[in-house]
Amino acid sequence: TTNQDITIPAKKFVVVANSWTAPIQIDNFEDGDLEGLTDKTVYLFNTGSDPEGNGTITPDASTTQETRYATGTYISIPIYSAPYTGDATISSMQGFYVVGGTTEGTLHLNYDKLVRPKEEQNIIGGPMHAPARIADTDNEPQVAKFLFRGTRYDDRLIILERPDFTRGYDSGWDGEQWGGNASAPMSY
């Protein structure tokens, strides 16, 4: 396992690959891991590589329906919203995009922090890390999920609400939807 620091040029879209043989837990990212990046979001490309080849993703715990994402589209996953979206991991060998800020930044990939579950990070004999975020059950966001069904593909919109959210773009909580397959419904 090798830790990596990747330089992200200013105002550039950079594709990075998870070179480890284990998935990266997106919600284990912290602000400092995306140093200098104004958008605390990872963007995953949907290849549609499910067994049926139709872009179907199995339902998460909050729904009984399958979501059929159009292949060739991107899924934006803000690092703090990941536990609420159902898309909380970057698979082994999967590429993902990050977006540079106004100046050059650095993406810090630390295997022990990003791959190991949080509950195992501070066990005896394991590396010691400061917690990513202190659990605040009183400040958990309210979640509303909307599913827009098309004839072949679906789109979803997830809205999180918390008293300290602003009316603007809250990096790490808000994500931008990128265009993709023109035959798929898209919410804006």
Protein backbone atom coordinates (compact mmCIF):
# COMPACT_ATOMS: atom_id res chain seq x y z
CA THR A 1 0.00 0.00 0.00
CA THR A 2 1.46 3.29 -1.10
CA ASN A 3 0.26 6.71 -0.02
CA GLN A 4 0.16 9.29 -2.80
CA ASP A 5 0.17 13.07 -3.10
CA ILE A 6 -1.11 14.16 -6.51
CA THR A 7 -0.70 17.74 -7.72
CA ILE A 8 -3.92 19.14 -9.17
CA PRO A 9 -3.35 22.12 -11.53
CA ALA A 10 -5.48 25.23 -11.07
CA LYS A 11 -8.87 25.17 -12.81
CA LYS A 12 -8.27 21.77 -14.45
CA PHE A 13 -10.26 18.57 -14.50
CA VAL A 14 -7.94 15.74 -13.47
CA VAL A 15 -8.68 12.03 -13.69
CA VAL A 16 -7.15 9.97 -10.90
CA ALA A 17 -7.31 6.21 -10.50
CA ASN A 18 -7.76 4.16 -7.36
CA SER A 19 -4.67 2.00 -7.81
CA TRP A 20 -5.29 -0.01 -4.66
CA THR A 21 -6.93 -3.43 -4.66
CA ALA A 22 -9.54 -2.18 -2.21
CA PRO A 23 -12.24 0.47 -2.62
CA ILE A 24 -11.77 4.02 -1.34
CA GLN A 25 -14.42 5.07 1.16
CA ILE A 26 -15.44 8.54 -0.10
CA ASP A 27 -16.84 9.60 3.27
CA ASN A 28 -13.37 9.05 4.81
CA PHE A 29 -12.03 12.04 2.84
CA GLU A 30 -11.44 15.22 4.84
CA ASP A 31 -10.96 18.83 3.72
CA GLY A 32 -7.17 18.45 4.08
CA ASP A 33 -7.17 15.49 1.67
CA LEU A 34 -8.38 17.81 -1.09
CA GLU A 35 -6.00 20.65 -0.21
CA GLY A 36 -6.51 23.73 -2.34
CA LEU A 37 -9.47 22.29 -4.26
CA THR A 38 -12.54 24.51 -4.11
CA ASP A 39 -14.87 21.64 -5.02
CA LYS A 40 -14.80 18.89 -2.37
CA THR A 41 -16.47 16.44 -4.76
CA VAL A 42 -15.40 13.34 -6.66
CA TYR A 43 -16.97 12.57 -10.03
CA LEU A 44 -17.36 8.91 -11.04
CA PHE A 45 -17.87 7.89 -14.65
CA ASN A 46 -20.68 5.37 -15.12
CA THR A 47 -19.52 2.77 -17.63
CA GLY A 48 -22.66 0.65 -17.31
CA SER A 49 -20.58 -2.39 -16.50
CA ASP A 50 -23.31 -4.18 -14.58
CA PRO A 51 -24.05 -7.83 -15.48
CA GLU A 52 -26.96 -6.91 -17.77
CA GLY A 53 -25.09 -4.01 -19.36
CA ASN A 54 -28.04 -1.64 -18.96
CA GLY A 55 -26.63 0.72 -16.35
CA THR A 56 -28.74 -0.71 -13.52
CA ILE A 57 -27.40 -0.09 -10.06
CA THR A 58 -28.80 -2.11 -7.19
CA PRO A 59 -31.03 -0.22 -4.77
CA ASP A 60 -29.62 1.35 -1.66
CA ALA A 61 -31.11 0.75 1.78
CA SER A 62 -33.62 3.61 1.46
CA THR A 63 -35.40 2.37 -1.68
CA THR A 64 -36.72 -0.85 -3.11
CA GLN A 65 -36.41 0.28 -6.73
CA GLU A 66 -33.37 -0.06 -8.92
CA THR A 67 -31.91 3.08 -10.46
CA ARG A 68 -30.97 2.81 -14.12
CA TYR A 69 -28.23 5.35 -14.77
CA ALA A 70 -27.40 6.12 -18.36
CA THR A 71 -23.98 4.84 -19.35
CA GLY A 72 -21.54 7.55 -20.27
CA THR A 73 -22.67 9.92 -17.53
CA TYR A 74 -20.95 11.18 -14.40
CA ILE A 75 -22.15 10.79 -10.84
CA SER A 76 -21.07 13.64 -8.56
CA ILE A 77 -20.42 12.61 -4.97
CA PRO A 78 -19.59 15.40 -2.48
CA ILE A 79 -17.35 13.99 0.26
CA TYR A 80 -19.68 14.86 3.15
CA SER A 81 -22.86 13.76 1.33
CA ALA A 82 -21.46 10.33 0.37
CA PRO A 83 -23.02 8.45 3.33
CA TYR A 84 -26.48 9.69 2.26
CA THR A 85 -26.28 9.05 -1.49
CA GLY A 86 -25.68 5.31 -1.67
CA ASP A 87 -22.52 5.91 -3.76
CA ALA A 88 -19.94 5.87 -0.98
CA THR A 89 -17.03 4.03 -2.61
CA ILE A 90 -14.57 4.32 -5.49
CA SER A 91 -13.98 0.78 -6.70
CA SER A 92 -10.55 -0.72 -7.06
CA MET A 93 -8.90 0.42 -10.31
CA GLN A 94 -11.78 2.88 -10.93
CA GLY A 95 -10.92 6.31 -12.26
CA PHE A 96 -12.51 9.45 -10.85
CA TYR A 97 -12.35 13.16 -11.55
CA VAL A 98 -11.45 15.98 -9.21
CA VAL A 99 -11.55 19.65 -10.12
CA GLY A 100 -8.71 22.06 -9.37
CA GLY A 101 -9.33 25.29 -7.47
CA THR A 102 -8.21 28.81 -8.33
CA THR A 103 -4.62 27.86 -7.50
CA GLU A 104 -2.69 24.60 -7.67
CA GLY A 105 -3.83 22.05 -5.10
CA THR A 106 -2.96 18.58 -3.83
CA LEU A 107 -5.00 15.41 -3.54
CA HIS A 108 -3.68 13.36 -0.59
CA LEU A 109 -4.47 9.64 -0.80
CA ASN A 110 -3.71 7.85 2.47
CA TYR A 111 -4.45 4.12 2.32
CA ASP A 112 -5.01 3.59 6.06
CA LYS A 113 -7.46 6.47 6.29
CA LEU A 114 -9.36 6.09 3.00
CA VAL A 115 -9.64 2.31 2.73
CA ARG A 116 -9.98 1.04 6.28
CA PRO A 117 -13.36 1.53 7.98
CA LYS A 118 -13.38 4.35 10.53
CA GLU A 119 -14.19 1.97 13.38
CA GLU A 120 -10.93 0.05 12.66
CA GLN A 121 -8.65 3.08 12.31
CA ASN A 122 -7.92 3.59 16.00
CA ILE A 123 -7.60 0.01 17.19
CA ILE A 124 -4.60 -1.02 19.27
CA GLY A 125 -1.59 -1.56 17.04
CA GLY A 126 -3.12 0.38 14.15
CA PRO A 127 -2.15 3.85 13.00
CA MET A 128 -3.63 6.74 14.96
CA HIS A 129 -5.60 9.35 13.07
CA ALA A 130 -7.58 12.37 14.12
CA PRO A 131 -11.26 11.71 13.44
CA ALA A 132 -12.47 13.03 10.08
CA ARG A 133 -15.50 14.61 11.65
CA ILE A 134 -16.92 14.40 15.13
CA ALA A 135 -20.26 12.65 15.03
CA ASP A 136 -23.02 15.13 15.74
CA THR A 137 -26.32 13.27 15.73
CA ASP A 138 -28.20 16.49 16.52
CA ASN A 139 -26.81 18.03 13.34
CA GLU A 140 -27.48 15.13 10.93
CA PRO A 141 -29.01 16.45 7.71
CA GLN A 142 -32.58 15.77 6.70
CA VAL A 143 -32.60 13.79 3.45
CA ALA A 144 -35.10 13.84 0.57
CA LYS A 145 -34.51 11.58 -2.45
CA PHE A 146 -36.29 12.06 -5.78
CA LEU A 147 -36.18 9.50 -8.58
CA PHE A 148 -37.02 10.63 -12.11
CA ARG A 149 -37.95 7.58 -14.19
CA GLY A 150 -37.56 7.58 -17.96
CA THR A 151 -38.42 4.81 -20.40
CA ARG A 152 -34.84 3.47 -20.39
CA TYR A 153 -32.88 5.46 -17.80
CA ASP A 154 -33.42 7.24 -14.52
CA ASP A 155 -31.98 10.22 -12.72
CA ARG A 156 -32.07 11.05 -9.06
CA LEU A 157 -31.87 14.18 -7.01
CA ILE A 158 -30.86 14.05 -3.37
CA ILE A 159 -31.52 17.10 -1.22
CA LEU A 160 -29.87 17.45 2.19
CA GLU A 161 -30.99 20.12 4.65
CA ARG A 162 -29.23 21.29 7.79
CA PRO A 163 -29.46 24.63 9.66
CA ASP A 164 -25.85 25.62 8.89
CA PHE A 165 -26.14 25.11 5.11
CA THR A 166 -26.00 28.31 3.07
CA ARG A 167 -28.09 29.40 0.09
CA GLY A 168 -24.91 29.17 -2.00
CA TYR A 169 -22.74 26.25 -3.03
CA ASP A 170 -21.50 24.36 0.05
CA SER A 171 -18.37 22.53 -1.10
CA GLY A 172 -18.28 18.98 0.19
CA TRP A 173 -22.07 18.91 0.53
CA ASP A 174 -23.29 20.15 -2.87
CA GLY A 175 -22.44 18.51 -6.17
CA GLU A 176 -22.80 19.67 -9.75
CA GLN A 177 -24.49 17.43 -12.30
CA TRP A 178 -22.55 17.04 -15.52
CA GLY A 179 -24.29 16.37 -18.82
CA GLY A 180 -24.10 12.98 -20.44
CA ASN A 181 -26.48 10.79 -22.35
CA ALA A 182 -29.06 12.98 -24.14
CA SER A 183 -31.70 10.22 -23.99
CA ALA A 184 -31.65 10.11 -20.18
CA PRO A 185 -33.79 12.37 -17.99
CA MET A 186 -31.74 14.89 -16.03
CA SER A 187 -32.77 17.00 -13.06
CA TYR A 188 -31.33 20.49 -12.64
